[in-house]
């Protein structure tokens, strides 16, 4: 099975520093799981875009 590569935008890294440590760990875990499964349960296509999807982790959206 092919693996994907995660590329962090600088703005995402900056935003990550602003949230609670417990939530950061959940977000990082979810993002790292996307390497092997880019379309997990609960993934949604963003309307108006052909190739952009999102997952929710609590109050946060990961695009």
PDB file of N, CA and C in Angstrom:
ATOM      1  N   UNK A   1       0.848  -1.178   0.000  1.00  0.00           N
ATOM      2  CA  UNK A   1       0.000   0.000   0.000  1.00  0.00           C
ATOM      3  C   UNK A   1       0.890   1.236   0.000  1.00  0.00           C
ATOM      4  N   UNK A   2       0.493   2.217  -0.778  1.00  0.00           N
ATOM      5  CA  UNK A   2       1.248   3.471  -0.841  1.00  0.00           C
ATOM      6  C   UNK A   2       1.059   4.273   0.431  1.00  0.00           C
ATOM      7  N   UNK A   3       2.108   4.956   0.825  1.00  0.00           N
ATOM      8  CA  UNK A   3       2.031   5.858   1.969  1.00  0.00           C
ATOM      9  C   UNK A   3       2.061   7.285   1.469  1.00  0.00           C
ATOM     10  N   UNK A   4       1.449   8.157   2.202  1.00  0.00           N
ATOM     11  CA  UNK A   4       1.411   9.568   1.858  1.00  0.00           C
ATOM     12  C   UNK A   4       2.367  10.336   2.749  1.00  0.00           C
ATOM     13  N   UNK A   5       2.655  11.558   2.370  1.00  0.00           N
ATOM     14  CA  UNK A   5       3.564  12.418   3.125  1.00  0.00           C
ATOM     15  C   UNK A   5       2.763  13.584   3.695  1.00  0.00           C
ATOM     16  N   UNK A   6       2.996  13.903   4.937  1.00  0.00           N
ATOM     17  CA  UNK A   6       2.346  15.033   5.590  1.00  0.00           C
ATOM     18  C   UNK A   6       3.246  16.252   5.443  1.00  0.00           C
ATOM     19  N   UNK A   7       2.693  17.346   4.947  1.00  0.00           N
ATOM     20  CA  UNK A   7       3.424  18.598   4.804  1.00  0.00           C
ATOM     21  C   UNK A   7       2.714  19.639   5.652  1.00  0.00           C
ATOM     22  N   UNK A   8       3.429  20.182   6.640  1.00  0.00           N
ATOM     23  CA  UNK A   8       2.853  21.178   7.543  1.00  0.00           C
ATOM     24  C   UNK A   8       3.126  22.568   7.009  1.00  0.00           C
ATOM     25  N   UNK A   9       2.079  23.375   6.911  1.00  0.00           N
ATOM     26  CA  UNK A   9       2.252  24.784   6.573  1.00  0.00           C
ATOM     27  C   UNK A   9       2.742  25.502   7.823  1.00  0.00           C
ATOM     28  N   UNK A  10       3.509  26.557   7.644  1.00  0.00           N
ATOM     29  CA  UNK A  10       4.000  27.332   8.783  1.00  0.00           C
ATOM     30  C   UNK A  10       2.846  27.893   9.607  1.00  0.00           C
ATOM     31  N   UNK A  11       1.776  28.303   8.933  1.00  0.00           N
ATOM     32  CA  UNK A  11       0.616  28.848   9.648  1.00  0.00           C
ATOM     33  C   UNK A  11      -0.042  27.779  10.527  1.00  0.00           C
ATOM     34  N   UNK A  12      -0.030  26.525  10.077  1.00  0.00           N
ATOM     35  CA  UNK A  12      -0.601  25.441  10.881  1.00  0.00           C
ATOM     36  C   UNK A  12       0.255  25.186  12.120  1.00  0.00           C
ATOM     37  N   UNK A  13       1.563  25.214  11.947  1.00  0.00           N
ATOM     38  CA  UNK A  13       2.458  25.031  13.102  1.00  0.00           C
ATOM     39  C   UNK A  13       2.244  26.131  14.137  1.00  0.00           C
ATOM     40  N   UNK A  14       2.080  27.340  13.654  1.00  0.00           N
ATOM     41  CA  UNK A  14       1.867  28.486  14.535  1.00  0.00           C
ATOM     42  C   UNK A  14       0.543  28.340  15.300  1.00  0.00           C
ATOM     43  N   UNK A  15      -0.510  27.926  14.611  1.00  0.00           N
ATOM     44  CA  UNK A  15      -1.812  27.733  15.244  1.00  0.00           C
ATOM     45  C   UNK A  15      -1.762  26.595  16.267  1.00  0.00           C
ATOM     46  N   UNK A  16      -1.018  25.554  15.956  1.00  0.00           N
ATOM     47  CA  UNK A  16      -0.908  24.401  16.855  1.00  0.00           C
ATOM     48  C   UNK A  16      -0.326  24.810  18.205  1.00  0.00           C
ATOM     49  N   UNK A  17       0.589  25.761  18.206  1.00  0.00           N
ATOM     50  CA  UNK A  17       1.207  26.219  19.455  1.00  0.00           C
ATOM     51  C   UNK A  17       0.212  26.934  20.368  1.00  0.00           C
ATOM     52  N   UNK A  18      -0.908  27.393  19.818  1.00  0.00           N
ATOM     53  CA  UNK A  18      -1.873  28.167  20.588  1.00  0.00           C
ATOM     54  C   UNK A  18      -2.901  27.317  21.330  1.00  0.00           C
ATOM     55  N   UNK A  19      -2.974  26.023  21.035  1.00  0.00           N
ATOM     56  CA  UNK A  19      -4.008  25.206  21.661  1.00  0.00           C
ATOM     57  C   UNK A  19      -3.427  24.372  22.799  1.00  0.00           C
ATOM     58  N   UNK A  20      -4.319  23.797  23.610  1.00  0.00           N
ATOM     59  CA  UNK A  20      -3.907  23.023  24.787  1.00  0.00           C
ATOM     60  C   UNK A  20      -3.109  21.785  24.387  1.00  0.00           C
ATOM     61  N   UNK A  21      -2.166  21.431  25.242  1.00  0.00           N
ATOM     62  CA  UNK A  21      -1.280  20.300  24.973  1.00  0.00           C
ATOM     63  C   UNK A  21      -2.047  18.997  24.740  1.00  0.00           C
ATOM     64  N   UNK A  22      -3.119  18.762  25.506  1.00  0.00           N
ATOM     65  CA  UNK A  22      -3.891  17.513  25.357  1.00  0.00           C
ATOM     66  C   UNK A  22      -4.496  17.432  23.962  1.00  0.00           C
ATOM     67  N   UNK A  23      -4.978  18.563  23.483  1.00  0.00           N
ATOM     68  CA  UNK A  23      -5.603  18.607  22.160  1.00  0.00           C
ATOM     69  C   UNK A  23      -4.534  18.466  21.076  1.00  0.00           C
ATOM     70  N   UNK A  24      -3.384  19.076  21.292  1.00  0.00           N
ATOM     71  CA  UNK A  24      -2.288  18.964  20.327  1.00  0.00           C
ATOM     72  C   UNK A  24      -1.935  17.503  20.102  1.00  0.00           C
ATOM     73  N   UNK A  25      -1.866  16.724  21.165  1.00  0.00           N
ATOM     74  CA  UNK A  25      -1.526  15.308  21.036  1.00  0.00           C
ATOM     75  C   UNK A  25      -2.563  14.563  20.204  1.00  0.00           C
ATOM     76  N   UNK A  26      -3.844  14.857  20.400  1.00  0.00           N
ATOM     77  CA  UNK A  26      -4.905  14.221  19.608  1.00  0.00           C
ATOM     78  C   UNK A  26      -4.810  14.621  18.141  1.00  0.00           C
ATOM     79  N   UNK A  27      -4.537  15.893  17.890  1.00  0.00           N
ATOM     80  CA  UNK A  27      -4.416  16.379  16.516  1.00  0.00           C
ATOM     81  C   UNK A  27      -3.222  15.720  15.830  1.00  0.00           C
ATOM     82  N   UNK A  28      -2.086  15.691  16.501  1.00  0.00           N
ATOM     83  CA  UNK A  28      -0.893  15.074  15.910  1.00  0.00           C
ATOM     84  C   UNK A  28      -1.112  13.599  15.623  1.00  0.00           C
ATOM     85  N   UNK A  29      -1.762  12.900  16.526  1.00  0.00           N
ATOM     86  CA  UNK A  29      -2.056  11.482  16.332  1.00  0.00           C
ATOM     87  C   UNK A  29      -2.956  11.285  15.104  1.00  0.00           C
ATOM     88  N   UNK A  30      -3.987  12.122  14.981  1.00  0.00           N
ATOM     89  CA  UNK A  30      -4.905  12.016  13.845  1.00  0.00           C
ATOM     90  C   UNK A  30      -4.198  12.323  12.530  1.00  0.00           C
ATOM     91  N   UNK A  31      -3.349  13.345  12.532  1.00  0.00           N
ATOM     92  CA  UNK A  31      -2.634  13.715  11.311  1.00  0.00           C
ATOM     93  C   UNK A  31      -1.663  12.606  10.911  1.00  0.00           C
ATOM     94  N   UNK A  32      -0.944  12.057  11.853  1.00  0.00           N
ATOM     95  CA  UNK A  32       0.007  10.985  11.540  1.00  0.00           C
ATOM     96  C   UNK A  32      -0.701   9.741  11.006  1.00  0.00           C
ATOM     97  N   UNK A  33      -1.932   9.490  11.452  1.00  0.00           N
ATOM     98  CA  UNK A  33      -2.675   8.324  10.956  1.00  0.00           C
ATOM     99  C   UNK A  33      -3.085   8.507   9.495  1.00  0.00           C
ATOM    100  N   UNK A  34      -3.122   9.757   9.021  1.00  0.00           N
ATOM    101  CA  UNK A  34      -3.485  10.020   7.626  1.00  0.00           C
ATOM    102  C   UNK A  34      -2.425   9.533   6.645  1.00  0.00           C
ATOM    103  N   UNK A  35      -1.217   9.299   7.127  1.00  0.00           N
ATOM    104  CA  UNK A  35      -0.148   8.791   6.258  1.00  0.00           C
ATOM    105  C   UNK A  35      -0.547   7.443   5.662  1.00  0.00           C
ATOM    106  N   UNK A  36      -1.124   6.578   6.474  1.00  0.00           N
ATOM    107  CA  UNK A  36      -1.491   5.250   5.987  1.00  0.00           C
ATOM    108  C   UNK A  36      -2.946   5.152   5.547  1.00  0.00           C
ATOM    109  N   UNK A  37      -3.803   6.045   6.038  1.00  0.00           N
ATOM    110  CA  UNK A  37      -5.216   6.022   5.667  1.00  0.00           C
ATOM    111  C   UNK A  37      -5.706   7.460   5.480  1.00  0.00           C
ATOM    112  N   UNK A  38      -5.588   8.017   4.274  1.00  0.00           N
ATOM    113  CA  UNK A  38      -5.940   9.423   4.067  1.00  0.00           C
ATOM    114  C   UNK A  38      -7.445   9.707   4.074  1.00  0.00           C
ATOM    115  N   UNK A  39      -8.257   8.665   4.070  1.00  0.00           N
ATOM    116  CA  UNK A  39      -9.714   8.845   4.088  1.00  0.00           C
ATOM    117  C   UNK A  39     -10.333   8.023   5.221  1.00  0.00           C
ATOM    118  N   UNK A  40     -10.072   8.415   6.482  1.00  0.00           N
ATOM    119  CA  UNK A  40     -10.607   7.653   7.611  1.00  0.00           C
ATOM    120  C   UNK A  40     -12.117   7.869   7.757  1.00  0.00           C
ATOM    121  N   UNK A  41     -12.730   7.124   8.652  1.00  0.00           N
ATOM    122  CA  UNK A  41     -14.146   7.302   8.936  1.00  0.00           C
ATOM    123  C   UNK A  41     -14.379   8.741   9.387  1.00  0.00           C
ATOM    124  N   UNK A  42     -15.407   9.366   8.884  1.00  0.00           N
ATOM    125  CA  UNK A  42     -15.725  10.735   9.261  1.00  0.00           C
ATOM    126  C   UNK A  42     -15.129  11.790   8.370  1.00  0.00           C
ATOM    127  N   UNK A  43     -14.367  11.398   7.363  1.00  0.00           N
ATOM    128  CA  UNK A  43     -13.784  12.383   6.441  1.00  0.00           C
ATOM    129  C   UNK A  43     -14.913  12.996   5.609  1.00  0.00           C
ATOM    130  N   UNK A  44     -14.817  14.288   5.332  1.00  0.00           N
ATOM    131  CA  UNK A  44     -15.824  14.994   4.548  1.00  0.00           C
ATOM    132  C   UNK A  44     -15.136  15.808   3.457  1.00  0.00           C
ATOM    133  N   UNK A  45     -15.752  15.851   2.281  1.00  0.00           N
ATOM    134  CA  UNK A  45     -15.258  16.669   1.184  1.00  0.00           C
ATOM    135  C   UNK A  45     -15.687  18.108   1.452  1.00  0.00           C
ATOM    136  N   UNK A  46     -14.799  19.034   1.232  1.00  0.00           N
ATOM    137  CA  UNK A  46     -15.122  20.443   1.417  1.00  0.00           C
ATOM    138  C   UNK A  46     -15.854  20.922   0.160  1.00  0.00           C
ATOM    139  N   UNK A  47     -17.033  21.501   0.354  1.00  0.00           N
ATOM    140  CA  UNK A  47     -17.833  21.926  -0.793  1.00  0.00           C
ATOM    141  C   UNK A  47     -17.121  23.034  -1.559  1.00  0.00           C
ATOM    142  N   UNK A  48     -17.259  22.982  -2.872  1.00  0.00           N
ATOM    143  CA  UNK A  48     -16.626  23.979  -3.723  1.00  0.00           C
ATOM    144  C   UNK A  48     -15.201  23.634  -4.104  1.00  0.00           C
ATOM    145  N   UNK A  49     -14.714  22.496  -3.653  1.00  0.00           N
ATOM    146  CA  UNK A  49     -13.350  22.079  -3.960  1.00  0.00           C
ATOM    147  C   UNK A  49     -13.374  20.658  -4.505  1.00  0.00           C
ATOM    148  N   UNK A  50     -12.559  20.396  -5.508  1.00  0.00           N
ATOM    149  CA  UNK A  50     -12.531  19.061  -6.092  1.00  0.00           C
ATOM    150  C   UNK A  50     -11.675  18.074  -5.314  1.00  0.00           C
ATOM    151  N   UNK A  51     -10.621  18.546  -4.666  1.00  0.00           N
ATOM    152  CA  UNK A  51      -9.659  17.637  -4.052  1.00  0.00           C
ATOM    153  C   UNK A  51      -9.352  17.932  -2.592  1.00  0.00           C
ATOM    154  N   UNK A  52     -10.186  18.690  -1.918  1.00  0.00           N
ATOM    155  CA  UNK A  52      -9.902  19.052  -0.535  1.00  0.00           C
ATOM    156  C   UNK A  52     -10.881  18.359   0.400  1.00  0.00           C
ATOM    157  N   UNK A  53     -10.325  17.692   1.409  1.00  0.00           N
ATOM    158  CA  UNK A  53     -11.117  16.968   2.387  1.00  0.00           C
ATOM    159  C   UNK A  53     -10.737  17.436   3.780  1.00  0.00           C
ATOM    160  N   UNK A  54     -11.602  17.137   4.753  1.00  0.00           N
ATOM    161  CA  UNK A  54     -11.317  17.528   6.127  1.00  0.00           C
ATOM    162  C   UNK A  54     -11.756  16.431   7.086  1.00  0.00           C
ATOM    163  N   UNK A  55     -11.113  16.414   8.244  1.00  0.00           N
ATOM    164  CA  UNK A  55     -11.563  15.605   9.368  1.00  0.00           C
ATOM    165  C   UNK A  55     -11.681  16.539  10.564  1.00  0.00           C
ATOM    166  N   UNK A  56     -12.517  16.185  11.490  1.00  0.00           N
ATOM    167  CA  UNK A  56     -12.698  16.991  12.704  1.00  0.00           C
ATOM    168  C   UNK A  56     -12.080  16.252  13.878  1.00  0.00           C
ATOM    169  N   UNK A  57     -11.373  17.013  14.713  1.00  0.00           N
ATOM    170  CA  UNK A  57     -10.837  16.525  15.973  1.00  0.00           C
ATOM    171  C   UNK A  57     -11.330  17.511  17.016  1.00  0.00           C
ATOM    172  N   UNK A  58     -12.396  17.141  17.707  1.00  0.00           N
ATOM    173  CA  UNK A  58     -13.001  18.062  18.677  1.00  0.00           C
ATOM    174  C   UNK A  58     -13.500  19.301  17.965  1.00  0.00           C
ATOM    175  N   UNK A  59     -13.038  20.450  18.388  1.00  0.00           N
ATOM    176  CA  UNK A  59     -13.450  21.726  17.794  1.00  0.00           C
ATOM    177  C   UNK A  59     -12.566  22.128  16.617  1.00  0.00           C
ATOM    178  N   UNK A  60     -11.638  21.287  16.209  1.00  0.00           N
ATOM    179  CA  UNK A  60     -10.659  21.653  15.197  1.00  0.00           C
ATOM    180  C   UNK A  60     -10.882  20.882  13.904  1.00  0.00           C
ATOM    181  N   UNK A  61     -10.622  21.570  12.802  1.00  0.00           N
ATOM    182  CA  UNK A  61     -10.744  20.966  11.477  1.00  0.00           C
ATOM    183  C   UNK A  61      -9.351  20.773  10.904  1.00  0.00           C
ATOM    184  N   UNK A  62      -9.081  19.596  10.400  1.00  0.00           N
ATOM    185  CA  UNK A  62      -7.806  19.300   9.757  1.00  0.00           C
ATOM    186  C   UNK A  62      -8.080  19.141   8.281  1.00  0.00           C
ATOM    187  N   UNK A  63      -7.434  19.980   7.469  1.00  0.00           N
ATOM    188  CA  UNK A  63      -7.652  19.979   6.021  1.00  0.00           C
ATOM    189  C   UNK A  63      -6.469  19.322   5.351  1.00  0.00           C
TER     190      UNK A  63
END
